[in-house]
Each structure stands twice: as C-alpha cells, then as structure tokens.
Amino acid sequence: MQGEIEALFGDGPHKFRLTIGGAEELEERCKAGVPVILRAVARDEATSTMLRETLRLGLVGAGMAPEKALLLMARYAETGVGRLRDVAFTILAAFWLGVEDDPPPKSEPGPDASPDPGATA
C-alpha cells in the first residue's frame, strides 16, 4: 500500500500508514501542518502530542482498529521518546515523500490520447 512502512513498536513490528484523513486529524490535533510537524520531529522539537498522534493515526491508517491503536499507544508510548521520534519521522516522511517501494502513480490517458497501435479490439 502506498506510503506504508513497517517499524518496531511496543510488542513487535507493526504497519503504519498516514492517510489523507489521518493527516487532517493530525494537523487539527497538533494545530500545525504535516510539513511543520515533520520538521519539528526532524529537529527534535516535536511535542509529545505530535509524536503520539502520528503513531496512533499511522496504526489506524494501516488497518488497525482505532480502539486497539489507542490501547497500544497507552501501553507502549512511555517506552522512550527517542523510539517514538524515529517511528514518527518515518511515518511522516513516508506520507510526505513516499517510500522506495511505492508504485508510481497510474496516469490516465488524456482526451487527446491516441489508441495503442498494438492493441486489438
């Protein structure tokens, strides 16, 4: 899935993916845009809310039930800010910049596109 990463957190490896809806919720909760949050994380200036919410929303965006993501965060968010920062940075960078394994976006042929000469009807 585009923008999805896997990282160790809490009880083992988990998938994380920040969706557009998740990014909007993150921006609302942090009162800052994703680029600002990404820079804050990279500069070690992020708030605990920025870190926690990035991970929680990343878990939900990758398919974890919101209740389970909340429980996981409550259980393991105190394990160290450094680890939260590293995972948060990776989630945000994958959302904003993409990840190496992401497929290229599919382009739609425009209205002036000519039919493929090798195609058969």
PDB file of N, CA and C in Angstrom:
ATOM      1  N   MET A   1       0.847  -1.180   0.000  1.00  0.00           N
ATOM      2  CA  MET A   1       0.000   0.000   0.000  1.00  0.00           C
ATOM      3  C   MET A   1       0.895   1.246   0.000  1.00  0.00           C
ATOM      4  N   GLN A   2       0.520   2.244  -0.730  1.00  0.00           N
ATOM      5  CA  GLN A   2       1.333   3.434  -0.884  1.00  0.00           C
ATOM      6  C   GLN A   2       1.537   4.154   0.447  1.00  0.00           C
ATOM      7  N   GLY A   3       2.811   4.485   0.742  1.00  0.00           N
ATOM      8  CA  GLY A   3       3.143   5.218   1.957  1.00  0.00           C
ATOM      9  C   GLY A   3       3.178   4.362   3.209  1.00  0.00           C
ATOM     10  N   GLU A   4       3.046   3.039   3.066  1.00  0.00           N
ATOM     11  CA  GLU A   4       3.029   2.163   4.241  1.00  0.00           C
ATOM     12  C   GLU A   4       4.442   1.746   4.601  1.00  0.00           C
ATOM     13  N   ILE A   5       4.710   1.756   5.907  1.00  0.00           N
ATOM     14  CA  ILE A   5       6.003   1.312   6.416  1.00  0.00           C
ATOM     15  C   ILE A   5       5.753   0.298   7.520  1.00  0.00           C
ATOM     16  N   GLU A   6       6.782  -0.447   7.857  1.00  0.00           N
ATOM     17  CA  GLU A   6       6.723  -1.351   8.992  1.00  0.00           C
ATOM     18  C   GLU A   6       7.842  -0.959   9.936  1.00  0.00           C
ATOM     19  N   ALA A   7       7.526  -0.893  11.229  1.00  0.00           N
ATOM     20  CA  ALA A   7       8.516  -0.493  12.224  1.00  0.00           C
ATOM     21  C   ALA A   7       8.244  -1.223  13.532  1.00  0.00           C
ATOM     22  N   LEU A   8       9.301  -1.402  14.316  1.00  0.00           N
ATOM     23  CA  LEU A   8       9.157  -1.992  15.635  1.00  0.00           C
ATOM     24  C   LEU A   8       8.570  -0.962  16.582  1.00  0.00           C
ATOM     25  N   PHE A   9       7.515  -1.363  17.270  1.00  0.00           N
ATOM     26  CA  PHE A   9       6.912  -0.509  18.285  1.00  0.00           C
ATOM     27  C   PHE A   9       6.218  -1.385  19.298  1.00  0.00           C
ATOM     28  N   GLY A  10       6.519  -1.175  20.545  1.00  0.00           N
ATOM     29  CA  GLY A  10       5.847  -1.902  21.615  1.00  0.00           C
ATOM     30  C   GLY A  10       6.128  -3.383  21.591  1.00  0.00           C
ATOM     31  N   ASP A  11       5.117  -4.179  21.247  1.00  0.00           N
ATOM     32  CA  ASP A  11       5.218  -5.625  21.327  1.00  0.00           C
ATOM     33  C   ASP A  11       5.770  -6.284  20.073  1.00  0.00           C
ATOM     34  N   GLY A  12       6.207  -5.499  19.089  1.00  0.00           N
ATOM     35  CA  GLY A  12       6.782  -6.090  17.882  1.00  0.00           C
ATOM     36  C   GLY A  12       6.616  -5.195  16.672  1.00  0.00           C
ATOM     37  N   PRO A  13       6.798  -5.762  15.493  1.00  0.00           N
ATOM     38  CA  PRO A  13       6.649  -4.961  14.277  1.00  0.00           C
ATOM     39  C   PRO A  13       5.181  -4.664  13.985  1.00  0.00           C
ATOM     40  N   HIS A  14       4.940  -3.449  13.546  1.00  0.00           N
ATOM     41  CA  HIS A  14       3.588  -3.024  13.180  1.00  0.00           C
ATOM     42  C   HIS A  14       3.667  -2.233  11.884  1.00  0.00           C
ATOM     43  N   LYS A  15       2.565  -2.257  11.127  1.00  0.00           N
ATOM     44  CA  LYS A  15       2.466  -1.452   9.913  1.00  0.00           C
ATOM     45  C   LYS A  15       1.876  -0.097  10.276  1.00  0.00           C
ATOM     46  N   PHE A  16       2.379   0.934   9.600  1.00  0.00           N
ATOM     47  CA  PHE A  16       1.925   2.304   9.807  1.00  0.00           C
ATOM     48  C   PHE A  16       1.708   2.937   8.437  1.00  0.00           C
ATOM     49  N   ARG A  17       0.657   3.738   8.339  1.00  0.00           N
ATOM     50  CA  ARG A  17       0.395   4.490   7.109  1.00  0.00           C
ATOM     51  C   ARG A  17      -0.469   5.689   7.464  1.00  0.00           C
ATOM     52  N   LEU A  18       0.035   6.858   7.175  1.00  0.00           N
ATOM     53  CA  LEU A  18      -0.741   8.063   7.390  1.00  0.00           C
ATOM     54  C   LEU A  18      -1.556   8.329   6.131  1.00  0.00           C
ATOM     55  N   THR A  19      -2.861   8.373   6.288  1.00  0.00           N
ATOM     56  CA  THR A  19      -3.764   8.644   5.164  1.00  0.00           C
ATOM     57  C   THR A  19      -4.042  10.154   5.115  1.00  0.00           C
ATOM     58  N   ILE A  20      -4.703  10.587   4.071  1.00  0.00           N
ATOM     59  CA  ILE A  20      -5.090  11.997   3.980  1.00  0.00           C
ATOM     60  C   ILE A  20      -5.977  12.368   5.165  1.00  0.00           C
ATOM     61  N   GLY A  21      -6.969  11.536   5.456  1.00  0.00           N
ATOM     62  CA  GLY A  21      -7.847  11.796   6.598  1.00  0.00           C
ATOM     63  C   GLY A  21      -7.070  11.810   7.912  1.00  0.00           C
ATOM     64  N   GLY A  22      -6.133  10.889   8.046  1.00  0.00           N
ATOM     65  CA  GLY A  22      -5.294  10.856   9.239  1.00  0.00           C
ATOM     66  C   GLY A  22      -4.431  12.098   9.351  1.00  0.00           C
ATOM     67  N   ALA A  23      -3.912  12.561   8.215  1.00  0.00           N
ATOM     68  CA  ALA A  23      -3.090  13.777   8.214  1.00  0.00           C
ATOM     69  C   ALA A  23      -3.928  14.982   8.626  1.00  0.00           C
ATOM     70  N   GLU A  24      -5.159  15.037   8.153  1.00  0.00           N
ATOM     71  CA  GLU A  24      -6.042  16.148   8.529  1.00  0.00           C
ATOM     72  C   GLU A  24      -6.329  16.127  10.029  1.00  0.00           C
ATOM     73  N   GLU A  25      -6.566  14.936  10.570  1.00  0.00           N
ATOM     74  CA  GLU A  25      -6.801  14.831  12.013  1.00  0.00           C
ATOM     75  C   GLU A  25      -5.539  15.194  12.793  1.00  0.00           C
ATOM     76  N   LEU A  26      -4.378  14.755  12.319  1.00  0.00           N
ATOM     77  CA  LEU A  26      -3.111  15.086  12.968  1.00  0.00           C
ATOM     78  C   LEU A  26      -2.897  16.598  12.980  1.00  0.00           C
ATOM     79  N   GLU A  27      -3.143  17.239  11.849  1.00  0.00           N
ATOM     80  CA  GLU A  27      -2.979  18.690  11.766  1.00  0.00           C
ATOM     81  C   GLU A  27      -3.922  19.407  12.720  1.00  0.00           C
ATOM     82  N   GLU A  28      -5.144  18.914  12.814  1.00  0.00           N
ATOM     83  CA  GLU A  28      -6.125  19.528  13.711  1.00  0.00           C
ATOM     84  C   GLU A  28      -5.693  19.373  15.172  1.00  0.00           C
ATOM     85  N   ARG A  29      -5.279  18.172  15.537  1.00  0.00           N
ATOM     86  CA  ARG A  29      -4.891  17.919  16.929  1.00  0.00           C
ATOM     87  C   ARG A  29      -3.611  18.654  17.326  1.00  0.00           C
ATOM     88  N   CYS A  30      -2.696  18.819  16.364  1.00  0.00           N
ATOM     89  CA  CYS A  30      -1.401  19.452  16.661  1.00  0.00           C
ATOM     90  C   CYS A  30      -1.389  20.943  16.329  1.00  0.00           C
ATOM     91  N   LYS A  31      -2.437  21.406  15.661  1.00  0.00           N
ATOM     92  CA  LYS A  31      -2.522  22.810  15.245  1.00  0.00           C
ATOM     93  C   LYS A  31      -1.304  23.224  14.415  1.00  0.00           C
ATOM     94  N   ALA A  32      -0.910  22.312  13.526  1.00  0.00           N
ATOM     95  CA  ALA A  32       0.221  22.557  12.633  1.00  0.00           C
ATOM     96  C   ALA A  32       0.081  21.637  11.427  1.00  0.00           C
ATOM     97  N   GLY A  33       0.614  22.067  10.293  1.00  0.00           N
ATOM     98  CA  GLY A  33       0.579  21.249   9.086  1.00  0.00           C
ATOM     99  C   GLY A  33       1.602  20.133   9.125  1.00  0.00           C
ATOM    100  N   VAL A  34       1.403  19.131   8.277  1.00  0.00           N
ATOM    101  CA  VAL A  34       2.315  17.990   8.235  1.00  0.00           C
ATOM    102  C   VAL A  34       3.765  18.426   7.992  1.00  0.00           C
ATOM    103  N   PRO A  35       4.043  19.352   7.067  1.00  0.00           N
ATOM    104  CA  PRO A  35       5.446  19.752   6.879  1.00  0.00           C
ATOM    105  C   PRO A  35       6.058  20.351   8.152  1.00  0.00           C
ATOM    106  N   VAL A  36       5.269  21.118   8.886  1.00  0.00           N
ATOM    107  CA  VAL A  36       5.758  21.719  10.134  1.00  0.00           C
ATOM    108  C   VAL A  36       6.026  20.620  11.166  1.00  0.00           C
ATOM    109  N   ILE A  37       5.132  19.661  11.255  1.00  0.00           N
ATOM    110  CA  ILE A  37       5.303  18.553  12.198  1.00  0.00           C
ATOM    111  C   ILE A  37       6.533  17.725  11.807  1.00  0.00           C
ATOM    112  N   LEU A  38       6.679  17.437  10.525  1.00  0.00           N
ATOM    113  CA  LEU A  38       7.840  16.682  10.043  1.00  0.00           C
ATOM    114  C   LEU A  38       9.144  17.396  10.392  1.00  0.00           C
ATOM    115  N   ARG A  39       9.193  18.702  10.163  1.00  0.00           N
ATOM    116  CA  ARG A  39      10.405  19.476  10.515  1.00  0.00           C
ATOM    117  C   ARG A  39      10.650  19.453  12.018  1.00  0.00           C
ATOM    118  N   ALA A  40       9.584  19.593  12.804  1.00  0.00           N
ATOM    119  CA  ALA A  40       9.728  19.585  14.262  1.00  0.00           C
ATOM    120  C   ALA A  40      10.282  18.245  14.743  1.00  0.00           C
ATOM    121  N   VAL A  41       9.802  17.166  14.166  1.00  0.00           N
ATOM    122  CA  VAL A  41      10.303  15.835  14.551  1.00  0.00           C
ATOM    123  C   VAL A  41      11.772  15.716  14.154  1.00  0.00           C
ATOM    124  N   ALA A  42      12.109  16.136  12.944  1.00  0.00           N
ATOM    125  CA  ALA A  42      13.495  16.033  12.467  1.00  0.00           C
ATOM    126  C   ALA A  42      14.456  16.860  13.313  1.00  0.00           C
ATOM    127  N   ARG A  43      13.975  17.968  13.851  1.00  0.00           N
ATOM    128  CA  ARG A  43      14.835  18.867  14.646  1.00  0.00           C
ATOM    129  C   ARG A  43      14.754  18.593  16.147  1.00  0.00           C
ATOM    130  N   ASP A  44      14.105  17.502  16.540  1.00  0.00           N
ATOM    131  CA  ASP A  44      13.901  17.187  17.970  1.00  0.00           C
ATOM    132  C   ASP A  44      13.146  18.299  18.693  1.00  0.00           C
ATOM    133  N   GLU A  45      12.195  18.922  18.003  1.00  0.00           N
ATOM    134  CA  GLU A  45      11.383  19.985  18.591  1.00  0.00           C
ATOM    135  C   GLU A  45       9.900  19.613  18.646  1.00  0.00           C
ATOM    136  N   ALA A  46       9.598  18.350  18.382  1.00  0.00           N
ATOM    137  CA  ALA A  46       8.195  17.909  18.343  1.00  0.00           C
ATOM    138  C   ALA A  46       7.627  17.795  19.746  1.00  0.00           C
ATOM    139  N   THR A  47       6.345  18.070  19.857  1.00  0.00           N
ATOM    140  CA  THR A  47       5.659  17.879  21.130  1.00  0.00           C
ATOM    141  C   THR A  47       5.313  16.397  21.286  1.00  0.00           C
ATOM    142  N   SER A  48       4.999  16.000  22.503  1.00  0.00           N
ATOM    143  CA  SER A  48       4.607  14.605  22.730  1.00  0.00           C
ATOM    144  C   SER A  48       3.318  14.295  21.973  1.00  0.00           C
ATOM    145  N   THR A  49       2.445  15.274  21.845  1.00  0.00           N
ATOM    146  CA  THR A  49       1.206  15.071  21.079  1.00  0.00           C
ATOM    147  C   THR A  49       1.526  14.771  19.624  1.00  0.00           C
ATOM    148  N   MET A  50       2.461  15.497  19.042  1.00  0.00           N
ATOM    149  CA  MET A  50       2.850  15.244  17.652  1.00  0.00           C
ATOM    150  C   MET A  50       3.338  13.814  17.475  1.00  0.00           C
ATOM    151  N   LEU A  51       4.166  13.356  18.396  1.00  0.00           N
ATOM    152  CA  LEU A  51       4.725  12.007  18.295  1.00  0.00           C
ATOM    153  C   LEU A  51       3.646  10.941  18.497  1.00  0.00           C
ATOM    154  N   ARG A  52       2.905  11.053  19.586  1.00  0.00           N
ATOM    155  CA  ARG A  52       1.877  10.052  19.905  1.00  0.00           C
ATOM    156  C   ARG A  52       0.814   9.964  18.820  1.00  0.00           C
ATOM    157  N   GLU A  53       0.312  11.109  18.397  1.00  0.00           N
ATOM    158  CA  GLU A  53      -0.773  11.118  17.414  1.00  0.00           C
ATOM    159  C   GLU A  53      -0.305  10.619  16.052  1.00  0.00           C
ATOM    160  N   THR A  54       0.926  10.908  15.680  1.00  0.00           N
ATOM    161  CA  THR A  54       1.454  10.394  14.414  1.00  0.00           C
ATOM    162  C   THR A  54       1.451   8.873  14.431  1.00  0.00           C
ATOM    163  N   LEU A  55       1.934   8.280  15.518  1.00  0.00           N
ATOM    164  CA  LEU A  55       1.951   6.820  15.603  1.00  0.00           C
ATOM    165  C   LEU A  55       0.542   6.245  15.642  1.00  0.00           C
ATOM    166  N   ARG A  56      -0.318   6.804  16.470  1.00  0.00           N
ATOM    167  CA  ARG A  56      -1.686   6.286  16.594  1.00  0.00           C
ATOM    168  C   ARG A  56      -2.416   6.335  15.257  1.00  0.00           C
ATOM    169  N   LEU A  57      -2.354   7.484  14.595  1.00  0.00           N
ATOM    170  CA  LEU A  57      -3.031   7.634  13.312  1.00  0.00           C
ATOM    171  C   LEU A  57      -2.377   6.784  12.227  1.00  0.00           C
ATOM    172  N   GLY A  58      -1.074   6.581  12.337  1.00  0.00           N
ATOM    173  CA  GLY A  58      -0.379   5.699  11.401  1.00  0.00           C
ATOM    174  C   GLY A  58      -0.825   4.250  11.542  1.00  0.00           C
ATOM    175  N   LEU A  59      -1.017   3.795  12.772  1.00  0.00           N
ATOM    176  CA  LEU A  59      -1.516   2.438  13.011  1.00  0.00           C
ATOM    177  C   LEU A  59      -2.917   2.272  12.427  1.00  0.00           C
ATOM    178  N   VAL A  60      -3.782   3.248  12.684  1.00  0.00           N
ATOM    179  CA  VAL A  60      -5.159   3.195  12.183  1.00  0.00           C
ATOM    180  C   VAL A  60      -5.156   3.234  10.653  1.00  0.00           C
ATOM    181  N   GLY A  61      -4.326   4.083  10.073  1.00  0.00           N
ATOM    182  CA  GLY A  61      -4.261   4.194   8.619  1.00  0.00           C
ATOM    183  C   GLY A  61      -3.786   2.925   7.939  1.00  0.00           C
ATOM    184  N   ALA A  62      -3.019   2.114   8.661  1.00  0.00           N
ATOM    185  CA  ALA A  62      -2.539   0.846   8.106  1.00  0.00           C
ATOM    186  C   ALA A  62      -3.514  -0.297   8.371  1.00  0.00           C
ATOM    187  N   GLY A  63      -4.655   0.006   9.009  1.00  0.00           N
ATOM    188  CA  GLY A  63      -5.689  -1.002   9.157  1.00  0.00           C
ATOM    189  C   GLY A  63      -5.989  -1.474  10.568  1.00  0.00           C
ATOM    190  N   MET A  64      -5.269  -0.987  11.574  1.00  0.00           N
ATOM    191  CA  MET A  64      -5.549  -1.406  12.940  1.00  0.00           C
ATOM    192  C   MET A  64      -6.823  -0.722  13.432  1.00  0.00           C
ATOM    193  N   ALA A  65      -7.615  -1.447  14.199  1.00  0.00           N
ATOM    194  CA  ALA A  65      -8.828  -0.869  14.777  1.00  0.00           C
ATOM    195  C   ALA A  65      -8.442   0.299  15.681  1.00  0.00           C
ATOM    196  N   PRO A  66      -9.181   1.416  15.620  1.00  0.00           N
ATOM    197  CA  PRO A  66      -8.837   2.585  16.437  1.00  0.00           C
ATOM    198  C   PRO A  66      -8.706   2.276  17.926  1.00  0.00           C
ATOM    199  N   GLU A  67      -9.569   1.408  18.434  1.00  0.00           N
ATOM    200  CA  GLU A  67      -9.502   1.061  19.858  1.00  0.00           C
ATOM    201  C   GLU A  67      -8.208   0.331  20.191  1.00  0.00           C
ATOM    202  N   LYS A  68      -7.791  -0.569  19.297  1.00  0.00           N
ATOM    203  CA  LYS A  68      -6.548  -1.318  19.517  1.00  0.00           C
ATOM    204  C   LYS A  68      -5.343  -0.383  19.429  1.00  0.00           C
ATOM    205  N   ALA A  69      -5.378   0.561  18.478  1.00  0.00           N
ATOM    206  CA  ALA A  69      -4.280   1.519  18.341  1.00  0.00           C
ATOM    207  C   ALA A  69      -4.162   2.380  19.597  1.00  0.00           C
ATOM    208  N   LEU A  70      -5.291   2.801  20.133  1.00  0.00           N
ATOM    209  CA  LEU A  70      -5.303   3.605  21.358  1.00  0.00           C
ATOM    210  C   LEU A  70      -4.739   2.803  22.532  1.00  0.00           C
ATOM    211  N   LEU A  71      -5.123   1.545  22.637  1.00  0.00           N
ATOM    212  CA  LEU A  71      -4.626   0.677  23.694  1.00  0.00           C
ATOM    213  C   LEU A  71      -3.121   0.456  23.561  1.00  0.00           C
ATOM    214  N   LEU A  72      -2.659   0.219  22.340  1.00  0.00           N
ATOM    215  CA  LEU A  72      -1.230   0.023  22.095  1.00  0.00           C
ATOM    216  C   LEU A  72      -0.446   1.270  22.476  1.00  0.00           C
ATOM    217  N   MET A  73      -0.977   2.432  22.128  1.00  0.00           N
ATOM    218  CA  MET A  73      -0.299   3.686  22.479  1.00  0.00           C
ATOM    219  C   MET A  73      -0.266   3.879  23.989  1.00  0.00           C
ATOM    220  N   ALA A  74      -1.359   3.587  24.663  1.00  0.00           N
ATOM    221  CA  ALA A  74      -1.399   3.740  26.121  1.00  0.00           C
ATOM    222  C   ALA A  74      -0.399   2.804  26.786  1.00  0.00           C
ATOM    223  N   ARG A  75      -0.255   1.620  26.239  1.00  0.00           N
ATOM    224  CA  ARG A  75       0.614   0.622  26.826  1.00  0.00           C
ATOM    225  C   ARG A  75       2.099   0.915  26.571  1.00  0.00           C
ATOM    226  N   TYR A  76       2.442   1.397  25.370  1.00  0.00           N
ATOM    227  CA  TYR A  76       3.852   1.482  24.992  1.00  0.00           C
ATOM    228  C   TYR A  76       4.391   2.880  24.712  1.00  0.00           C
ATOM    229  N   ALA A  77       3.578   3.913  24.761  1.00  0.00           N
ATOM    230  CA  ALA A  77       4.055   5.260  24.421  1.00  0.00           C
ATOM    231  C   ALA A  77       5.095   5.780  25.396  1.00  0.00           C
ATOM    232  N   GLU A  78       5.164   5.212  26.577  1.00  0.00           N
ATOM    233  CA  GLU A  78       6.130   5.680  27.572  1.00  0.00           C
ATOM    234  C   GLU A  78       7.469   4.952  27.470  1.00  0.00           C
ATOM    235  N   THR A  79       7.672   4.170  26.418  1.00  0.00           N
ATOM    236  CA  THR A  79       8.889   3.369  26.308  1.00  0.00           C
ATOM    237  C   THR A  79      10.114   4.188  25.916  1.00  0.00           C
ATOM    238  N   GLY A  80       9.940   5.410  25.551  1.00  0.00           N
ATOM    239  CA  GLY A  80      11.070   6.261  25.200  1.00  0.00           C
ATOM    240  C   GLY A  80      10.751   7.187  24.057  1.00  0.00           C
ATOM    241  N   VAL A  81      10.988   8.447  24.275  1.00  0.00           N
ATOM    242  CA  VAL A  81      10.693   9.456  23.260  1.00  0.00           C
ATOM    243  C   VAL A  81      11.546   9.243  22.013  1.00  0.00           C
ATOM    244  N   GLY A  82      12.775   8.794  22.186  1.00  0.00           N
ATOM    245  CA  GLY A  82      13.648   8.574  21.030  1.00  0.00           C
ATOM    246  C   GLY A  82      13.057   7.587  20.048  1.00  0.00           C
ATOM    247  N   ARG A  83      12.507   6.498  20.559  1.00  0.00           N
ATOM    248  CA  ARG A  83      11.895   5.490  19.684  1.00  0.00           C
ATOM    249  C   ARG A  83      10.637   6.045  19.019  1.00  0.00           C
ATOM    250  N   LEU A  84       9.830   6.773  19.780  1.00  0.00           N
ATOM    251  CA  LEU A  84       8.632   7.392  19.196  1.00  0.00           C
ATOM    252  C   LEU A  84       9.030   8.354  18.083  1.00  0.00           C
ATOM    253  N   ARG A  85      10.057   9.144  18.334  1.00  0.00           N
ATOM    254  CA  ARG A  85      10.522  10.122  17.346  1.00  0.00           C
ATOM    255  C   ARG A  85      10.953   9.433  16.065  1.00  0.00           C
ATOM    256  N   ASP A  86      11.729   8.362  16.188  1.00  0.00           N
ATOM    257  CA  ASP A  86      12.225   7.669  14.995  1.00  0.00           C
ATOM    258  C   ASP A  86      11.077   7.105  14.156  1.00  0.00           C
ATOM    259  N   VAL A  87      10.114   6.484  14.817  1.00  0.00           N
ATOM    260  CA  VAL A  87       8.975   5.910  14.087  1.00  0.00           C
ATOM    261  C   VAL A  87       8.110   7.025  13.504  1.00  0.00           C
ATOM    262  N   ALA A  88       7.859   8.080  14.276  1.00  0.00           N
ATOM    263  CA  ALA A  88       7.051   9.200  13.792  1.00  0.00           C
ATOM    264  C   ALA A  88       7.696   9.836  12.557  1.00  0.00           C
ATOM    265  N   PHE A  89       8.997  10.022  12.595  1.00  0.00           N
ATOM    266  CA  PHE A  89       9.684  10.616  11.450  1.00  0.00           C
ATOM    267  C   PHE A  89       9.493   9.749  10.206  1.00  0.00           C
ATOM    268  N   THR A  90       9.631   8.441  10.365  1.00  0.00           N
ATOM    269  CA  THR A  90       9.496   7.533   9.225  1.00  0.00           C
ATOM    270  C   THR A  90       8.078   7.559   8.666  1.00  0.00           C
ATOM    271  N   ILE A  91       7.076   7.593   9.542  1.00  0.00           N
ATOM    272  CA  ILE A  91       5.677   7.654   9.104  1.00  0.00           C
ATOM    273  C   ILE A  91       5.421   8.946   8.325  1.00  0.00           C
ATOM    274  N   LEU A  92       5.851  10.066   8.889  1.00  0.00           N
ATOM    275  CA  LEU A  92       5.620  11.365   8.253  1.00  0.00           C
ATOM    276  C   LEU A  92       6.365  11.482   6.929  1.00  0.00           C
ATOM    277  N   ALA A  93       7.603  11.011   6.899  1.00  0.00           N
ATOM    278  CA  ALA A  93       8.391  11.073   5.663  1.00  0.00           C
ATOM    279  C   ALA A  93       7.768  10.188   4.582  1.00  0.00           C
ATOM    280  N   ALA A  94       7.265   9.021   4.977  1.00  0.00           N
ATOM    281  CA  ALA A  94       6.614   8.133   4.003  1.00  0.00           C
ATOM    282  C   ALA A  94       5.369   8.793   3.429  1.00  0.00           C
ATOM    283  N   PHE A  95       4.616   9.502   4.269  1.00  0.00           N
ATOM    284  CA  PHE A  95       3.424  10.199   3.801  1.00  0.00           C
ATOM    285  C   PHE A  95       3.800  11.348   2.869  1.00  0.00           C
ATOM    286  N   TRP A  96       4.749  12.158   3.294  1.00  0.00           N
ATOM    287  CA  TRP A  96       5.063  13.389   2.568  1.00  0.00           C
ATOM    288  C   TRP A  96       5.933  13.136   1.341  1.00  0.00           C
ATOM    289  N   LEU A  97       6.885  12.209   1.462  1.00  0.00           N
ATOM    290  CA  LEU A  97       7.861  11.993   0.399  1.00  0.00           C
ATOM    291  C   LEU A  97       7.676  10.678  -0.348  1.00  0.00           C
ATOM    292  N   GLY A  98       6.886   9.765   0.214  1.00  0.00           N
ATOM    293  CA  GLY A  98       6.719   8.434  -0.370  1.00  0.00           C
ATOM    294  C   GLY A  98       7.819   7.503   0.127  1.00  0.00           C
ATOM    295  N   VAL A  99       7.690   6.247  -0.221  1.00  0.00           N
ATOM    296  CA  VAL A  99       8.701   5.259   0.145  1.00  0.00           C
ATOM    297  C   VAL A  99       9.201   4.588  -1.112  1.00  0.00           C
ATOM    298  N   GLU A 100      10.379   4.031  -1.017  1.00  0.00           N
ATOM    299  CA  GLU A 100      11.053   3.478  -2.186  1.00  0.00           C
ATOM    300  C   GLU A 100      10.216   2.435  -2.920  1.00  0.00           C
ATOM    301  N   ASP A 101       9.468   1.628  -2.195  1.00  0.00           N
ATOM    302  CA  ASP A 101       8.700   0.551  -2.817  1.00  0.00           C
ATOM    303  C   ASP A 101       7.339   0.984  -3.338  1.00  0.00           C
ATOM    304  N   ASP A 102       6.976   2.256  -3.176  1.00  0.00           N
ATOM    305  CA  ASP A 102       5.675   2.727  -3.661  1.00  0.00           C
ATOM    306  C   ASP A 102       5.621   2.609  -5.178  1.00  0.00           C
ATOM    307  N   PRO A 103       4.510   2.084  -5.695  1.00  0.00           N
ATOM    308  CA  PRO A 103       4.369   2.052  -7.152  1.00  0.00           C
ATOM    309  C   PRO A 103       4.174   3.471  -7.677  1.00  0.00           C
ATOM    310  N   PRO A 104       4.624   3.745  -8.900  1.00  0.00           N
ATOM    311  CA  PRO A 104       4.382   5.079  -9.458  1.00  0.00           C
ATOM    312  C   PRO A 104       2.893   5.297  -9.651  1.00  0.00           C
ATOM    313  N   PRO A 105       2.440   6.548  -9.547  1.00  0.00           N
ATOM    314  CA  PRO A 105       1.014   6.809  -9.750  1.00  0.00           C
ATOM    315  C   PRO A 105       0.588   6.395 -11.146  1.00  0.00           C
ATOM    316  N   LYS A 106      -0.617   5.852 -11.245  1.00  0.00           N
ATOM    317  CA  LYS A 106      -1.146   5.458 -12.554  1.00  0.00           C
ATOM    318  C   LYS A 106      -1.616   6.710 -13.268  1.00  0.00           C
ATOM    319  N   SER A 107      -1.195   6.847 -14.512  1.00  0.00           N
ATOM    320  CA  SER A 107      -1.646   8.006 -15.270  1.00  0.00           C
ATOM    321  C   SER A 107      -2.813   7.595 -16.154  1.00  0.00           C
ATOM    322  N   GLU A 108      -3.752   8.459 -16.227  1.00  0.00           N
ATOM    323  CA  GLU A 108      -4.928   8.229 -17.055  1.00  0.00           C
ATOM    324  C   GLU A 108      -4.664   8.856 -18.418  1.00  0.00           C
ATOM    325  N   PRO A 109      -5.026   8.169 -19.501  1.00  0.00           N
ATOM    326  CA  PRO A 109      -4.848   8.795 -20.818  1.00  0.00           C
ATOM    327  C   PRO A 109      -5.751  10.010 -20.940  1.00  0.00           C
ATOM    328  N   GLY A 110      -5.204  11.048 -21.499  1.00  0.00           N
ATOM    329  CA  GLY A 110      -5.975  12.270 -21.703  1.00  0.00           C
ATOM    330  C   GLY A 110      -6.958  12.116 -22.844  1.00  0.00           C
ATOM    331  N   PRO A 111      -7.805  13.120 -23.059  1.00  0.00           N
ATOM    332  CA  PRO A 111      -8.810  13.034 -24.128  1.00  0.00           C
ATOM    333  C   PRO A 111      -8.178  13.000 -25.514  1.00  0.00           C
ATOM    334  N   ASP A 112      -6.944  13.506 -25.645  1.00  0.00           N
ATOM    335  CA  ASP A 112      -6.278  13.527 -26.946  1.00  0.00           C
ATOM    336  C   ASP A 112      -5.398  12.313 -27.154  1.00  0.00           C
ATOM    337  N   ALA A 113      -5.414  11.372 -26.229  1.00  0.00           N
ATOM    338  CA  ALA A 113      -4.541  10.201 -26.334  1.00  0.00           C
ATOM    339  C   ALA A 113      -4.969   9.343 -27.503  1.00  0.00           C
ATOM    340  N   SER A 114      -3.992   8.928 -28.278  1.00  0.00           N
ATOM    341  CA  SER A 114      -4.305   8.069 -29.397  1.00  0.00           C
ATOM    342  C   SER A 114      -4.318   6.626 -28.927  1.00  0.00           C
ATOM    343  N   PRO A 115      -5.094   5.780 -29.555  1.00  0.00           N
ATOM    344  CA  PRO A 115      -5.152   4.369 -29.139  1.00  0.00           C
ATOM    345  C   PRO A 115      -3.807   3.705 -29.352  1.00  0.00           C
ATOM    346  N   ASP A 116      -3.537   2.694 -28.552  1.00  0.00           N
ATOM    347  CA  ASP A 116      -2.304   1.924 -28.658  1.00  0.00           C
ATOM    348  C   ASP A 116      -2.321   1.190 -29.985  1.00  0.00           C
ATOM    349  N   PRO A 117      -1.305   1.441 -30.851  1.00  0.00           N
ATOM    350  CA  PRO A 117      -1.336   0.799 -32.170  1.00  0.00           C
ATOM    351  C   PRO A 117      -1.229  -0.723 -32.094  1.00  0.00           C
ATOM    352  N   GLY A 118      -0.682  -1.260 -31.008  1.00  0.00           N
ATOM    353  CA  GLY A 118      -0.545  -2.714 -30.901  1.00  0.00           C
ATOM    354  C   GLY A 118      -1.751  -3.374 -30.261  1.00  0.00           C
ATOM    355  N   ALA A 119      -2.704  -2.586 -29.822  1.00  0.00           N
ATOM    356  CA  ALA A 119      -3.880  -3.142 -29.133  1.00  0.00           C
ATOM    357  C   ALA A 119      -4.869  -3.664 -30.170  1.00  0.00           C
ATOM    358  N   THR A 120      -5.555  -4.721 -29.772  1.00  0.00           N
ATOM    359  CA  THR A 120      -6.593  -5.253 -30.641  1.00  0.00           C
ATOM    360  C   THR A 120      -7.954  -5.030 -29.999  1.00  0.00           C
ATOM    361  N   ALA A 121      -8.946  -4.827 -30.794  1.00  0.00           N
ATOM    362  CA  ALA A 121     -10.289  -4.570 -30.282  1.00  0.00           C
ATOM    363  C   ALA A 121     -11.052  -5.823 -30.057  1.00  0.00           C
TER     364      ALA A 121
END
